Amino acid sequence: MSLSSTPPGDASATTPSWIARLRRSQRLLRIGNRVSAWWEDARLTWQFVGEVLQALGRLLSGRALMRRSDLVWQFDQAGPRSVLIVSVVSGLVGVILAYMGAVQLERFGAQTFIADLVAISVVREVAALMAGIILAGRIGAAYAAQLGSMQANEEIDALRAMGVDPVEHLVLPRLLALLLAAPFLTLYAALVALLAGALVAVSIFGVTPAEFMHRSYEALSLNHALIGLAKGTVYCLLVALAGCRQGLHAGRSAQAVGQAVTTAVVQAIVWIVVTASAMTVAFQRLGW
């Protein structure tokens, strides 16, 4: 008769299996919690987008409570006060594009085509992308901080108690101001980057100013300009939505407001990159 090597009262042999099961269940619980949190965040985001669309409908029908003075003030913050940082970043990006492109083209004696490279890439893609990312860090963070502070101080609850829709009163001025400023900032960023690229081409690689202007004019078309402006407007729309959404749904503490600001910037940049990829592929497929 064979006897078990494990004493009857010894549970050491069964302990590892229970620990493994417990660890697996904890991992599954963490995954479930993350999926649930992601689903709730997505639901709140789509709910917020729906509320914004409803507020826009009421604005078009003349029933919204948005003040024009708020719109003008927000436009001043989003547009003219962003010119300096847009100038610096766009100029440096233009220098990088022109220099790196010219180094490669110089190997084939094709320095003349620096203008084509800089003009098309800047007007069609880079200017809008730079404007969106810059405004995500400057305006999107400001929107999240402003609305998050109001949420922490219960000012938004006070507006709701007085019968004022926070989306109409707080979100619409910010959203429309950024939409109005977006085409101008995108166009300005493209012009600054083109001038910076021309400076590099003329001063370093021997391209004449007249030749650079002629090649740029030949390379660009109305479609390039319209696509660039459309992309810049869409990117700024995403920045405004991300900043206002995170601010309105921030927690009641200073830490929660800081987390909302960080999330707004990261979310806006991710949305911009994903949208840029989708729009670029779509426009290329359509032959635009």
Protein backbone atom coordinates (compact mmCIF):
# COMPACT_ATOMS: atom_id res chain seq x y z
CA MET A 1 0.00 0.00 0.00
CA SER A 2 1.48 3.35 -1.16
CA LEU A 3 1.43 6.31 1.14
CA SER A 4 1.43 9.98 0.10
CA SER A 5 4.67 11.83 0.69
CA THR A 6 2.76 14.91 1.89
CA PRO A 7 1.45 14.82 5.45
CA PRO A 8 -2.35 15.16 5.76
CA GLY A 9 -2.16 18.49 7.53
CA ASP A 10 0.46 20.06 5.26
CA ALA A 11 -1.05 22.56 2.76
CA SER A 12 2.29 23.65 1.26
CA ALA A 13 1.73 21.57 -1.85
CA THR A 14 -1.59 23.29 -2.64
CA THR A 15 -0.48 26.84 -1.77
CA PRO A 16 1.29 27.66 -5.07
CA SER A 17 -1.78 26.78 -7.14
CA TRP A 18 -3.99 29.05 -5.02
CA ILE A 19 -1.45 31.86 -5.29
CA ALA A 20 -1.32 31.46 -9.06
CA ARG A 21 -5.11 31.56 -9.30
CA LEU A 22 -5.25 34.62 -7.07
CA ARG A 23 -2.67 36.43 -9.17
CA ARG A 24 -4.53 35.57 -12.37
CA SER A 25 -7.78 36.85 -10.90
CA GLN A 26 -6.07 40.08 -9.79
CA ARG A 27 -4.66 40.61 -13.27
CA LEU A 28 -8.07 40.04 -14.80
CA LEU A 29 -9.58 42.46 -12.29
CA ARG A 30 -7.05 45.16 -13.20
CA ILE A 31 -7.69 44.64 -16.91
CA GLY A 32 -11.42 44.81 -16.32
CA ASN A 33 -11.09 48.01 -14.31
CA ARG A 34 -8.99 49.62 -17.04
CA VAL A 35 -11.44 48.61 -19.75
CA SER A 36 -14.33 49.89 -17.66
CA ALA A 37 -12.55 53.21 -17.03
CA TRP A 38 -11.71 53.55 -20.73
CA TRP A 39 -15.32 52.82 -21.70
CA GLU A 40 -16.63 55.37 -19.20
CA ASP A 41 -14.17 57.98 -20.47
CA ALA A 42 -15.25 57.35 -24.06
CA ARG A 43 -18.90 57.58 -23.06
CA LEU A 44 -18.34 60.92 -21.33
CA THR A 45 -16.43 62.21 -24.34
CA TRP A 46 -19.20 61.34 -26.79
CA GLN A 47 -21.79 62.72 -24.39
CA PHE A 48 -19.83 65.98 -24.25
CA VAL A 49 -19.62 66.13 -28.05
CA GLY A 50 -23.38 65.65 -28.22
CA GLU A 51 -23.93 68.47 -25.72
CA VAL A 52 -21.67 70.76 -27.79
CA LEU A 53 -23.62 69.96 -30.96
CA GLN A 54 -26.90 70.69 -29.18
CA ALA A 55 -25.50 73.99 -27.91
CA LEU A 56 -24.38 74.90 -31.44
CA GLY A 57 -27.88 74.16 -32.67
CA ARG A 58 -29.36 76.47 -30.05
CA LEU A 59 -26.80 79.13 -30.99
CA LEU A 60 -27.79 78.96 -34.65
CA SER A 61 -31.44 79.29 -33.69
CA GLY A 62 -30.70 82.29 -31.44
CA ARG A 63 -31.54 80.55 -28.15
CA ALA A 64 -28.03 80.14 -26.69
CA LEU A 65 -26.76 82.16 -23.73
CA MET A 66 -23.29 82.80 -25.12
CA ARG A 67 -22.02 86.37 -24.70
CA ARG A 68 -20.20 88.04 -27.57
CA SER A 69 -17.78 89.71 -25.17
CA ASP A 70 -16.61 86.25 -24.04
CA LEU A 71 -16.07 85.23 -27.66
CA VAL A 72 -14.01 88.35 -28.40
CA TRP A 73 -11.88 87.89 -25.28
CA GLN A 74 -11.26 84.21 -26.00
CA PHE A 75 -10.35 85.02 -29.62
CA ASP A 76 -7.78 87.52 -28.38
CA GLN A 77 -6.26 84.86 -26.12
CA ALA A 78 -6.23 82.13 -28.76
CA GLY A 79 -5.21 84.23 -31.79
CA PRO A 80 -3.05 87.35 -31.38
CA ARG A 81 -1.45 86.18 -28.15
CA SER A 82 -0.32 82.94 -29.81
CA VAL A 83 1.48 84.64 -32.69
CA LEU A 84 4.88 84.83 -31.00
CA ILE A 85 5.21 81.16 -30.10
CA VAL A 86 3.79 80.13 -33.50
CA SER A 87 6.39 82.35 -35.19
CA VAL A 88 9.30 80.85 -33.29
CA VAL A 89 8.34 77.20 -33.71
CA SER A 90 7.21 77.50 -37.34
CA GLY A 91 10.37 79.39 -38.30
CA LEU A 92 12.63 76.78 -36.75
CA VAL A 93 10.69 73.94 -38.36
CA GLY A 94 11.03 75.70 -41.74
CA VAL A 95 14.77 75.95 -41.21
CA ILE A 96 15.00 72.24 -40.36
CA LEU A 97 12.94 71.17 -43.38
CA ALA A 98 14.89 73.33 -45.80
CA TYR A 99 18.32 72.39 -44.46
CA MET A 100 17.74 68.64 -44.21
CA GLY A 101 16.03 68.52 -47.59
CA ALA A 102 18.71 70.61 -49.26
CA VAL A 103 21.52 68.42 -47.92
CA GLN A 104 19.98 65.42 -49.66
CA LEU A 105 19.05 67.28 -52.85
CA GLU A 106 22.53 68.79 -53.11
CA ARG A 107 23.97 65.32 -53.67
CA PHE A 108 22.10 65.21 -57.00
CA GLY A 109 22.60 68.87 -57.90
CA ALA A 110 18.88 69.59 -57.38
CA GLN A 111 19.04 72.44 -54.89
CA THR A 112 16.40 74.27 -56.93
CA PHE A 113 13.78 71.82 -55.71
CA ILE A 114 14.23 72.95 -52.11
CA ALA A 115 11.37 75.35 -52.74
CA ASP A 116 9.08 72.53 -53.90
CA LEU A 117 9.89 70.44 -50.85
CA VAL A 118 9.43 73.23 -48.33
CA ALA A 119 6.37 74.79 -49.94
CA ILE A 120 4.29 71.64 -50.33
CA SER A 121 5.23 70.05 -47.00
CA VAL A 122 4.72 73.27 -45.03
CA VAL A 123 1.50 74.47 -46.64
CA ARG A 124 -0.18 71.08 -46.84
CA GLU A 125 0.94 69.35 -43.64
CA VAL A 126 3.50 70.89 -41.33
CA ALA A 127 1.97 74.33 -40.68
CA ALA A 128 -1.38 72.88 -39.60
CA LEU A 129 0.30 70.20 -37.49
CA MET A 130 2.58 72.69 -35.74
CA ALA A 131 -0.29 75.10 -35.09
CA GLY A 132 -2.39 72.31 -33.61
CA ILE A 133 0.35 70.99 -31.34
CA ILE A 134 1.35 74.47 -30.18
CA LEU A 135 -2.24 75.36 -29.35
CA ALA A 136 -2.69 72.02 -27.59
CA GLY A 137 0.06 72.97 -25.17
CA ARG A 138 -0.95 76.61 -24.81
CA ILE A 139 -4.72 76.89 -25.30
CA GLY A 140 -5.88 73.34 -24.58
CA ALA A 141 -4.06 73.34 -21.25
CA ALA A 142 -5.48 76.77 -20.41
CA TYR A 143 -9.03 75.64 -21.17
CA ALA A 144 -8.65 72.57 -18.98
CA ALA A 145 -7.12 74.59 -16.13
CA GLN A 146 -9.77 77.31 -16.25
CA LEU A 147 -12.76 74.99 -16.37
CA GLY A 148 -11.16 72.53 -13.96
CA SER A 149 -10.64 75.29 -11.39
CA MET A 150 -14.25 76.36 -11.80
CA GLN A 151 -15.33 72.76 -11.32
CA ALA A 152 -13.20 72.42 -8.17
CA ASN A 153 -14.64 75.65 -6.74
CA GLU A 154 -18.20 74.52 -7.58
CA GLU A 155 -18.74 77.50 -9.88
CA ILE A 156 -20.05 75.24 -12.64
CA ASP A 157 -22.55 73.73 -10.20
CA ALA A 158 -23.64 77.26 -9.34
CA LEU A 159 -24.24 78.01 -13.03
CA ARG A 160 -26.38 74.90 -13.36
CA ALA A 161 -28.31 75.88 -10.22
CA MET A 162 -29.08 79.27 -11.83
CA GLY A 163 -30.33 77.55 -14.98
CA VAL A 164 -27.28 78.45 -17.11
CA ASP A 165 -25.91 75.72 -19.36
CA PRO A 166 -22.11 75.55 -18.82
CA VAL A 167 -21.60 74.31 -22.37
CA GLU A 168 -23.29 77.38 -23.82
CA HIS A 169 -21.76 79.84 -21.39
CA LEU A 170 -18.21 78.44 -21.10
CA VAL A 171 -17.48 75.98 -23.90
CA LEU A 172 -18.99 77.67 -26.95
CA PRO A 173 -16.95 80.91 -26.68
CA ARG A 174 -13.73 78.94 -26.35
CA LEU A 175 -14.61 76.54 -29.14
CA LEU A 176 -15.71 79.20 -31.63
CA ALA A 177 -12.78 81.48 -30.78
CA LEU A 178 -10.29 78.74 -31.55
CA LEU A 179 -12.12 77.82 -34.75
CA LEU A 180 -11.99 81.46 -35.89
CA ALA A 181 -8.31 81.80 -35.04
CA ALA A 182 -7.26 78.46 -36.55
CA PRO A 183 -7.16 79.43 -40.28
CA PHE A 184 -5.24 82.64 -39.56
CA LEU A 185 -2.69 80.91 -37.35
CA THR A 186 -2.25 78.08 -39.86
CA LEU A 187 -1.73 80.52 -42.72
CA TYR A 188 0.66 82.60 -40.65
CA ALA A 189 2.64 79.51 -39.61
CA ALA A 190 2.97 78.47 -43.25
CA LEU A 191 4.22 81.92 -44.30
CA VAL A 192 6.80 82.04 -41.51
CA ALA A 193 8.07 78.55 -42.30
CA LEU A 194 8.31 79.41 -46.00
CA LEU A 195 10.30 82.56 -45.26
CA ALA A 196 12.63 80.63 -42.96
CA GLY A 197 13.11 77.94 -45.61
CA ALA A 198 13.80 80.60 -48.23
CA LEU A 199 16.40 82.19 -45.96
CA VAL A 200 18.23 78.86 -45.67
CA ALA A 201 18.02 78.15 -49.41
CA VAL A 202 19.26 81.60 -50.40
CA SER A 203 21.97 82.14 -47.79
CA ILE A 204 23.48 78.64 -47.62
CA PHE A 205 22.69 76.74 -50.82
CA GLY A 206 22.87 79.53 -53.37
CA VAL A 207 19.28 79.55 -54.59
CA THR A 208 18.23 82.99 -55.75
CA PRO A 209 15.16 84.59 -54.13
CA ALA A 210 13.39 84.91 -57.49
CA GLU A 211 14.03 81.23 -58.25
CA PHE A 212 12.74 80.16 -54.84
CA MET A 213 9.56 82.21 -55.24
CA HIS A 214 9.00 80.93 -58.78
CA ARG A 215 9.45 77.27 -57.79
CA SER A 216 7.15 77.70 -54.79
CA TYR A 217 4.48 79.30 -56.95
CA GLU A 218 4.75 76.49 -59.50
CA ALA A 219 4.64 73.75 -56.86
CA LEU A 220 1.68 75.03 -54.87
CA SER A 221 -1.95 74.86 -55.88
CA LEU A 222 -5.22 75.99 -54.40
CA ASN A 223 -5.91 72.44 -53.21
CA HIS A 224 -2.72 72.45 -51.11
CA ALA A 225 -3.74 75.68 -49.39
CA LEU A 226 -7.34 74.61 -48.77
CA ILE A 227 -6.29 71.21 -47.42
CA GLY A 228 -3.79 72.85 -45.08
CA LEU A 229 -6.37 75.32 -43.77
CA ALA A 230 -8.95 72.57 -43.35
CA LYS A 231 -6.51 70.42 -41.40
CA GLY A 232 -5.52 73.31 -39.15
CA THR A 233 -9.16 74.07 -38.39
CA VAL A 234 -9.93 70.43 -37.56
CA TYR A 235 -6.85 70.14 -35.32
CA CYS A 236 -7.82 73.28 -33.38
CA LEU A 237 -11.36 71.94 -33.01
CA LEU A 238 -9.92 68.80 -31.42
CA VAL A 239 -7.77 70.92 -29.10
CA ALA A 240 -10.79 72.89 -27.89
CA LEU A 241 -12.87 69.74 -27.39
CA ALA A 242 -10.13 67.97 -25.44
CA GLY A 243 -9.41 70.95 -23.18
CA CYS A 244 -13.05 71.76 -22.41
CA ARG A 245 -14.05 68.11 -21.97
CA GLN A 246 -11.31 67.42 -19.44
CA GLY A 247 -11.92 70.69 -17.60
CA LEU A 248 -15.66 70.20 -17.22
CA HIS A 249 -15.21 66.65 -15.92
CA ALA A 250 -12.25 67.34 -13.64
CA GLY A 251 -12.26 66.36 -9.98
CA ARG A 252 -12.69 68.62 -6.98
CA SER A 253 -9.05 68.89 -5.92
CA ALA A 254 -5.93 70.67 -7.10
CA GLN A 255 -4.36 67.33 -8.03
CA ALA A 256 -7.40 66.46 -10.14
CA VAL A 257 -7.16 69.79 -11.97
CA GLY A 258 -3.49 69.17 -12.75
CA GLN A 259 -4.30 65.70 -13.98
CA ALA A 260 -7.06 67.14 -16.19
CA VAL A 261 -4.59 69.60 -17.73
CA THR A 262 -2.07 66.84 -18.47
CA THR A 263 -4.75 64.57 -19.91
CA ALA A 264 -6.13 67.37 -22.08
CA VAL A 265 -2.75 68.07 -23.70
CA VAL A 266 -1.92 64.40 -24.26
CA GLN A 267 -5.41 63.63 -25.55
CA ALA A 268 -5.37 66.59 -27.95
CA ILE A 269 -1.98 65.63 -29.39
CA VAL A 270 -3.03 61.99 -29.83
CA TRP A 271 -6.27 63.04 -31.52
CA ILE A 272 -4.34 65.40 -33.81
CA VAL A 273 -1.82 62.75 -34.88
CA VAL A 274 -4.52 60.14 -35.52
CA THR A 275 -6.66 62.62 -37.45
CA ALA A 276 -3.65 63.86 -39.44
CA SER A 277 -2.82 60.32 -40.50
CA ALA A 278 -6.42 59.56 -41.49
CA MET A 279 -6.89 62.83 -43.40
CA THR A 280 -3.57 62.50 -45.22
CA VAL A 281 -4.36 58.98 -46.41
CA ALA A 282 -7.92 59.96 -47.35
CA PHE A 283 -6.85 63.02 -49.37
CA GLN A 284 -4.14 61.05 -51.17
CA ARG A 285 -6.60 58.29 -52.02
CA LEU A 286 -9.05 60.88 -53.38
CA GLY A 287 -6.33 62.44 -55.48
CA TRP A 288 -6.49 65.79 -53.73
